[in-house]
Amino acid sequence: NLLIYGLGGLVAPFVGIKLIDLAISGLGL
């Protein structure tokens, strides 16, 4: 659980927030 969901929980926001940030910046929101 710690390996899959603990590490996954740490990594997912870094990837997800960065992608959303790129979309927001590109759309000028």
PDB file of all heavy atoms in Angstrom:
ATOM      1  N   ASN A   1       0.820  -1.212   0.000  1.00  0.00           N
ATOM      2  CA  ASN A   1       0.000   0.000   0.000  1.00  0.00           C
ATOM      3  C   ASN A   1       0.854   1.262   0.000  1.00  0.00           C
ATOM      4  O   ASN A   1       0.566   2.227  -0.705  1.00  0.00           O
ATOM      5  CB  ASN A   1      -0.927   0.003   1.225  1.00  0.00           C
ATOM      6  CG  ASN A   1      -2.265  -0.651   0.932  1.00  0.00           C
ATOM      7  OD1 ASN A   1      -2.487  -1.128  -0.177  1.00  0.00           O
ATOM      8  ND2 ASN A   1      -3.141  -0.691   1.913  1.00  0.00           N
ATOM      9  N   LEU A   2       1.907   1.255   0.821  1.00  0.00           N
ATOM     10  CA  LEU A   2       2.776   2.427   0.887  1.00  0.00           C
ATOM     11  C   LEU A   2       3.492   2.660  -0.435  1.00  0.00           C
ATOM     12  O   LEU A   2       3.661   3.807  -0.872  1.00  0.00           O
ATOM     13  CB  LEU A   2       3.795   2.265   2.018  1.00  0.00           C
ATOM     14  CG  LEU A   2       3.232   2.326   3.445  1.00  0.00           C
ATOM     15  CD1 LEU A   2       4.322   2.040   4.459  1.00  0.00           C
ATOM     16  CD2 LEU A   2       2.599   3.690   3.713  1.00  0.00           C
ATOM     17  N   LEU A   3       3.901   1.561  -1.073  1.00  0.00           N
ATOM     18  CA  LEU A   3       4.623   1.694  -2.331  1.00  0.00           C
ATOM     19  C   LEU A   3       3.719   2.194  -3.452  1.00  0.00           C
ATOM     20  O   LEU A   3       4.067   3.123  -4.191  1.00  0.00           O
ATOM     21  CB  LEU A   3       5.243   0.350  -2.713  1.00  0.00           C
ATOM     22  CG  LEU A   3       5.999   0.315  -4.051  1.00  0.00           C
ATOM     23  CD1 LEU A   3       7.199   1.258  -3.990  1.00  0.00           C
ATOM     24  CD2 LEU A   3       6.440  -1.102  -4.393  1.00  0.00           C
ATOM     25  N   ILE A   4       2.545   1.571  -3.572  1.00  0.00           N
ATOM     26  CA  ILE A   4       1.658   1.910  -4.694  1.00  0.00           C
ATOM     27  C   ILE A   4       0.860   3.178  -4.417  1.00  0.00           C
ATOM     28  O   ILE A   4       0.864   4.126  -5.208  1.00  0.00           O
ATOM     29  CB  ILE A   4       0.707   0.737  -4.996  1.00  0.00           C
ATOM     30  CG1 ILE A   4       1.503  -0.493  -5.442  1.00  0.00           C
ATOM     31  CG2 ILE A   4      -0.302   1.135  -6.073  1.00  0.00           C
ATOM     32  CD1 ILE A   4       0.661  -1.725  -5.681  1.00  0.00           C
ATOM     33  N   TYR A   5       0.168   3.220  -3.271  1.00  0.00           N
ATOM     34  CA  TYR A   5      -0.749   4.326  -3.004  1.00  0.00           C
ATOM     35  C   TYR A   5      -0.083   5.472  -2.243  1.00  0.00           C
ATOM     36  O   TYR A   5      -0.489   6.629  -2.385  1.00  0.00           O
ATOM     37  CB  TYR A   5      -1.980   3.807  -2.265  1.00  0.00           C
ATOM     38  CG  TYR A   5      -2.716   2.785  -3.083  1.00  0.00           C
ATOM     39  CD1 TYR A   5      -2.546   1.421  -2.854  1.00  0.00           C
ATOM     40  CD2 TYR A   5      -3.545   3.179  -4.126  1.00  0.00           C
ATOM     41  CE1 TYR A   5      -3.193   0.473  -3.632  1.00  0.00           C
ATOM     42  CE2 TYR A   5      -4.203   2.248  -4.914  1.00  0.00           C
ATOM     43  CZ  TYR A   5      -4.021   0.892  -4.665  1.00  0.00           C
ATOM     44  OH  TYR A   5      -4.656  -0.035  -5.448  1.00  0.00           O
ATOM     45  N   GLY A   6       0.930   5.174  -1.434  1.00  0.00           N
ATOM     46  CA  GLY A   6       1.660   6.246  -0.772  1.00  0.00           C
ATOM     47  C   GLY A   6       2.529   6.995  -1.756  1.00  0.00           C
ATOM     48  O   GLY A   6       2.425   8.228  -1.909  1.00  0.00           O
ATOM     49  N   LEU A   7       3.378   6.262  -2.481  1.00  0.00           N
ATOM     50  CA  LEU A   7       4.229   6.890  -3.481  1.00  0.00           C
ATOM     51  C   LEU A   7       3.396   7.476  -4.619  1.00  0.00           C
ATOM     52  O   LEU A   7       3.664   8.579  -5.115  1.00  0.00           O
ATOM     53  CB  LEU A   7       5.232   5.866  -4.022  1.00  0.00           C
ATOM     54  CG  LEU A   7       6.262   6.386  -5.031  1.00  0.00           C
ATOM     55  CD1 LEU A   7       7.093   7.495  -4.410  1.00  0.00           C
ATOM     56  CD2 LEU A   7       7.154   5.244  -5.515  1.00  0.00           C
ATOM     57  N   GLY A   8       2.359   6.728  -5.008  1.00  0.00           N
ATOM     58  CA  GLY A   8       1.475   7.240  -6.067  1.00  0.00           C
ATOM     59  C   GLY A   8       0.782   8.522  -5.657  1.00  0.00           C
ATOM     60  O   GLY A   8       0.602   9.439  -6.471  1.00  0.00           O
ATOM     61  N   GLY A   9       0.374   8.599  -4.380  1.00  0.00           N
ATOM     62  CA  GLY A   9      -0.269   9.813  -3.889  1.00  0.00           C
ATOM     63  C   GLY A   9       0.660  11.005  -3.868  1.00  0.00           C
ATOM     64  O   GLY A   9       0.213  12.155  -3.989  1.00  0.00           O
ATOM     65  N   LEU A  10       1.963  10.752  -3.706  1.00  0.00           N
ATOM     66  CA  LEU A  10       2.934  11.838  -3.746  1.00  0.00           C
ATOM     67  C   LEU A  10       3.214  12.307  -5.167  1.00  0.00           C
ATOM     68  O   LEU A  10       3.326  13.507  -5.437  1.00  0.00           O
ATOM     69  CB  LEU A  10       4.248  11.389  -3.092  1.00  0.00           C
ATOM     70  CG  LEU A  10       4.293  11.353  -1.563  1.00  0.00           C
ATOM     71  CD1 LEU A  10       5.574  10.698  -1.088  1.00  0.00           C
ATOM     72  CD2 LEU A  10       4.168  12.767  -0.993  1.00  0.00           C
ATOM     73  N   VAL A  11       3.324  11.363  -6.072  1.00  0.00           N
ATOM     74  CA  VAL A  11       3.718  11.686  -7.447  1.00  0.00           C
ATOM     75  C   VAL A  11       2.564  12.281  -8.254  1.00  0.00           C
ATOM     76  O   VAL A  11       2.754  13.233  -9.028  1.00  0.00           O
ATOM     77  CB  VAL A  11       4.264  10.427  -8.151  1.00  0.00           C
ATOM     78  CG1 VAL A  11       4.520  10.699  -9.631  1.00  0.00           C
ATOM     79  CG2 VAL A  11       5.537   9.945  -7.465  1.00  0.00           C
ATOM     80  N   ALA A  12       1.350  11.737  -8.084  1.00  0.00           N
ATOM     81  CA  ALA A  12       0.210  12.150  -8.910  1.00  0.00           C
ATOM     82  C   ALA A  12      -0.038  13.655  -8.894  1.00  0.00           C
ATOM     83  O   ALA A  12      -0.250  14.259  -9.966  1.00  0.00           O
ATOM     84  CB  ALA A  12      -1.046  11.391  -8.483  1.00  0.00           C
ATOM     85  N   PRO A  13      -0.016  14.340  -7.729  1.00  0.00           N
ATOM     86  CA  PRO A  13      -0.265  15.788  -7.755  1.00  0.00           C
ATOM     87  C   PRO A  13       0.799  16.571  -8.526  1.00  0.00           C
ATOM     88  O   PRO A  13       0.468  17.561  -9.191  1.00  0.00           O
ATOM     89  CB  PRO A  13      -0.256  16.169  -6.267  1.00  0.00           C
ATOM     90  CG  PRO A  13      -0.575  14.916  -5.553  1.00  0.00           C
ATOM     91  CD  PRO A  13       0.071  13.840  -6.350  1.00  0.00           C
ATOM     92  N   PHE A  14       2.053  16.139  -8.424  1.00  0.00           N
ATOM     93  CA  PHE A  14       3.100  16.844  -9.159  1.00  0.00           C
ATOM     94  C   PHE A  14       2.826  16.808 -10.664  1.00  0.00           C
ATOM     95  O   PHE A  14       2.948  17.820 -11.360  1.00  0.00           O
ATOM     96  CB  PHE A  14       4.474  16.236  -8.857  1.00  0.00           C
ATOM     97  CG  PHE A  14       5.008  16.593  -7.500  1.00  0.00           C
ATOM     98  CD1 PHE A  14       4.845  15.741  -6.431  1.00  0.00           C
ATOM     99  CD2 PHE A  14       5.660  17.800  -7.294  1.00  0.00           C
ATOM    100  CE1 PHE A  14       5.328  16.075  -5.181  1.00  0.00           C
ATOM    101  CE2 PHE A  14       6.150  18.145  -6.044  1.00  0.00           C
ATOM    102  CZ  PHE A  14       5.981  17.280  -4.975  1.00  0.00           C
ATOM    103  N   VAL A  15       2.440  15.636 -11.146  1.00  0.00           N
ATOM    104  CA  VAL A  15       2.151  15.500 -12.575  1.00  0.00           C
ATOM    105  C   VAL A  15       0.861  16.221 -12.931  1.00  0.00           C
ATOM    106  O   VAL A  15       0.797  17.001 -13.897  1.00  0.00           O
ATOM    107  CB  VAL A  15       2.065  14.010 -12.965  1.00  0.00           C
ATOM    108  CG1 VAL A  15       1.691  13.862 -14.432  1.00  0.00           C
ATOM    109  CG2 VAL A  15       3.388  13.306 -12.676  1.00  0.00           C
ATOM    110  N   GLY A  16      -0.201  15.948 -12.138  1.00  0.00           N
ATOM    111  CA  GLY A  16      -1.508  16.506 -12.455  1.00  0.00           C
ATOM    112  C   GLY A  16      -1.551  18.015 -12.369  1.00  0.00           C
ATOM    113  O   GLY A  16      -2.086  18.696 -13.270  1.00  0.00           O
ATOM    114  N   ILE A  17      -1.005  18.583 -11.282  1.00  0.00           N
ATOM    115  CA  ILE A  17      -1.037  20.040 -11.111  1.00  0.00           C
ATOM    116  C   ILE A  17      -0.235  20.737 -12.210  1.00  0.00           C
ATOM    117  O   ILE A  17      -0.634  21.781 -12.738  1.00  0.00           O
ATOM    118  CB  ILE A  17      -0.521  20.421  -9.707  1.00  0.00           C
ATOM    119  CG1 ILE A  17      -1.534  19.962  -8.648  1.00  0.00           C
ATOM    120  CG2 ILE A  17      -0.288  21.926  -9.595  1.00  0.00           C
ATOM    121  CD1 ILE A  17      -1.082  20.170  -7.220  1.00  0.00           C
ATOM    122  N   LYS A  18       0.911  20.146 -12.577  1.00  0.00           N
ATOM    123  CA  LYS A  18       1.718  20.748 -13.646  1.00  0.00           C
ATOM    124  C   LYS A  18       0.965  20.757 -14.980  1.00  0.00           C
ATOM    125  O   LYS A  18       0.965  21.768 -15.706  1.00  0.00           O
ATOM    126  CB  LYS A  18       3.033  19.966 -13.795  1.00  0.00           C
ATOM    127  CG  LYS A  18       3.939  20.504 -14.896  1.00  0.00           C
ATOM    128  CD  LYS A  18       4.322  21.964 -14.655  1.00  0.00           C
ATOM    129  CE  LYS A  18       5.238  22.491 -15.748  1.00  0.00           C
ATOM    130  NZ  LYS A  18       5.559  23.935 -15.572  1.00  0.00           N
ATOM    131  N   LEU A  19       0.294  19.655 -15.304  1.00  0.00           N
ATOM    132  CA  LEU A  19      -0.456  19.601 -16.565  1.00  0.00           C
ATOM    133  C   LEU A  19      -1.602  20.607 -16.565  1.00  0.00           C
ATOM    134  O   LEU A  19      -1.869  21.274 -17.576  1.00  0.00           O
ATOM    135  CB  LEU A  19      -0.995  18.183 -16.785  1.00  0.00           C
ATOM    136  CG  LEU A  19       0.051  17.101 -17.087  1.00  0.00           C
ATOM    137  CD1 LEU A  19      -0.614  15.730 -17.170  1.00  0.00           C
ATOM    138  CD2 LEU A  19       0.800  17.408 -18.389  1.00  0.00           C
ATOM    139  N   ILE A  20      -2.291  20.729 -15.434  1.00  0.00           N
ATOM    140  CA  ILE A  20      -3.392  21.698 -15.337  1.00  0.00           C
ATOM    141  C   ILE A  20      -2.846  23.114 -15.451  1.00  0.00           C
ATOM    142  O   ILE A  20      -3.449  23.992 -16.101  1.00  0.00           O
ATOM    143  CB  ILE A  20      -4.161  21.501 -14.018  1.00  0.00           C
ATOM    144  CG1 ILE A  20      -4.850  20.127 -14.002  1.00  0.00           C
ATOM    145  CG2 ILE A  20      -5.193  22.603 -13.824  1.00  0.00           C
ATOM    146  CD1 ILE A  20      -5.462  19.758 -12.675  1.00  0.00           C
ATOM    147  N   ASP A  21      -1.693  23.367 -14.824  1.00  0.00           N
ATOM    148  CA  ASP A  21      -1.065  24.687 -14.900  1.00  0.00           C
ATOM    149  C   ASP A  21      -0.740  25.054 -16.355  1.00  0.00           C
ATOM    150  O   ASP A  21      -0.965  26.199 -16.787  1.00  0.00           O
ATOM    151  CB  ASP A  21       0.209  24.696 -14.058  1.00  0.00           C
ATOM    152  CG  ASP A  21       1.007  25.977 -14.216  1.00  0.00           C
ATOM    153  OD1 ASP A  21       0.558  27.023 -13.692  1.00  0.00           O
ATOM    154  OD2 ASP A  21       2.068  25.931 -14.883  1.00  0.00           O
ATOM    155  N   LEU A  22      -0.221  24.094 -17.112  1.00  0.00           N
ATOM    156  CA  LEU A  22       0.078  24.345 -18.521  1.00  0.00           C
ATOM    157  C   LEU A  22      -1.189  24.683 -19.304  1.00  0.00           C
ATOM    158  O   LEU A  22      -1.187  25.586 -20.161  1.00  0.00           O
ATOM    159  CB  LEU A  22       0.774  23.126 -19.130  1.00  0.00           C
ATOM    160  CG  LEU A  22       2.194  22.820 -18.616  1.00  0.00           C
ATOM    161  CD1 LEU A  22       2.694  21.497 -19.197  1.00  0.00           C
ATOM    162  CD2 LEU A  22       3.151  23.968 -18.979  1.00  0.00           C
ATOM    163  N   ALA A  23      -2.277  23.948 -18.974  1.00  0.00           N
ATOM    164  CA  ALA A  23      -3.545  24.210 -19.667  1.00  0.00           C
ATOM    165  C   ALA A  23      -4.092  25.584 -19.302  1.00  0.00           C
ATOM    166  O   ALA A  23      -4.573  26.337 -20.178  1.00  0.00           O
ATOM    167  CB  ALA A  23      -4.558  23.122 -19.313  1.00  0.00           C
ATOM    168  N   ILE A  24      -4.026  25.938 -18.025  1.00  0.00           N
ATOM    169  CA  ILE A  24      -4.536  27.239 -17.574  1.00  0.00           C
ATOM    170  C   ILE A  24      -3.743  28.379 -18.206  1.00  0.00           C
ATOM    171  O   ILE A  24      -4.300  29.378 -18.690  1.00  0.00           O
ATOM    172  CB  ILE A  24      -4.475  27.329 -16.033  1.00  0.00           C
ATOM    173  CG1 ILE A  24      -5.538  26.417 -15.421  1.00  0.00           C
ATOM    174  CG2 ILE A  24      -4.678  28.762 -15.557  1.00  0.00           C
ATOM    175  CD1 ILE A  24      -5.465  26.339 -13.911  1.00  0.00           C
ATOM    176  N   SER A  25      -2.430  28.237 -18.213  1.00  0.00           N
ATOM    177  CA  SER A  25      -1.575  29.276 -18.800  1.00  0.00           C
ATOM    178  C   SER A  25      -1.828  29.407 -20.296  1.00  0.00           C
ATOM    179  O   SER A  25      -1.901  30.519 -20.845  1.00  0.00           O
ATOM    180  CB  SER A  25      -0.102  28.953 -18.543  1.00  0.00           C
ATOM    181  OG  SER A  25       0.161  28.871 -17.160  1.00  0.00           O
ATOM    182  N   GLY A  26      -1.971  28.261 -20.953  1.00  0.00           N
ATOM    183  CA  GLY A  26      -2.207  28.288 -22.394  1.00  0.00           C
ATOM    184  C   GLY A  26      -3.527  28.922 -22.762  1.00  0.00           C
ATOM    185  O   GLY A  26      -3.647  29.588 -23.792  1.00  0.00           O
ATOM    186  N   LEU A  27      -4.537  28.744 -21.900  1.00  0.00           N
ATOM    187  CA  LEU A  27      -5.863  29.311 -22.167  1.00  0.00           C
ATOM    188  C   LEU A  27      -6.011  30.716 -21.603  1.00  0.00           C
ATOM    189  O   LEU A  27      -7.042  31.367 -21.817  1.00  0.00           O
ATOM    190  CB  LEU A  27      -6.944  28.400 -21.564  1.00  0.00           C
ATOM    191  CG  LEU A  27      -7.060  26.998 -22.179  1.00  0.00           C
ATOM    192  CD1 LEU A  27      -8.036  26.140 -21.376  1.00  0.00           C
ATOM    193  CD2 LEU A  27      -7.514  27.097 -23.633  1.00  0.00           C
ATOM    194  N   GLY A  28      -5.003  31.157 -20.855  1.00  0.00           N
ATOM    195  CA  GLY A  28      -5.051  32.505 -20.285  1.00  0.00           C
ATOM    196  C   GLY A  28      -6.092  32.665 -19.196  1.00  0.00           C
ATOM    197  O   GLY A  28      -6.680  33.743 -19.038  1.00  0.00           O
ATOM    198  N   LEU A  29      -6.340  31.589 -18.426  1.00  0.00           N
ATOM    199  CA  LEU A  29      -7.354  31.645 -17.374  1.00  0.00           C
ATOM    200  C   LEU A  29      -6.829  32.240 -16.077  1.00  0.00           C
ATOM    201  O   LEU A  29      -7.607  32.567 -15.180  1.00  0.00           O
ATOM    202  CB  LEU A  29      -7.895  30.230 -17.113  1.00  0.00           C
ATOM    203  CG  LEU A  29      -8.599  29.561 -18.298  1.00  0.00           C
ATOM    204  CD1 LEU A  29      -9.026  28.148 -17.932  1.00  0.00           C
ATOM    205  CD2 LEU A  29      -9.808  30.390 -18.723  1.00  0.00           C
TER     206      LEU A  29
END
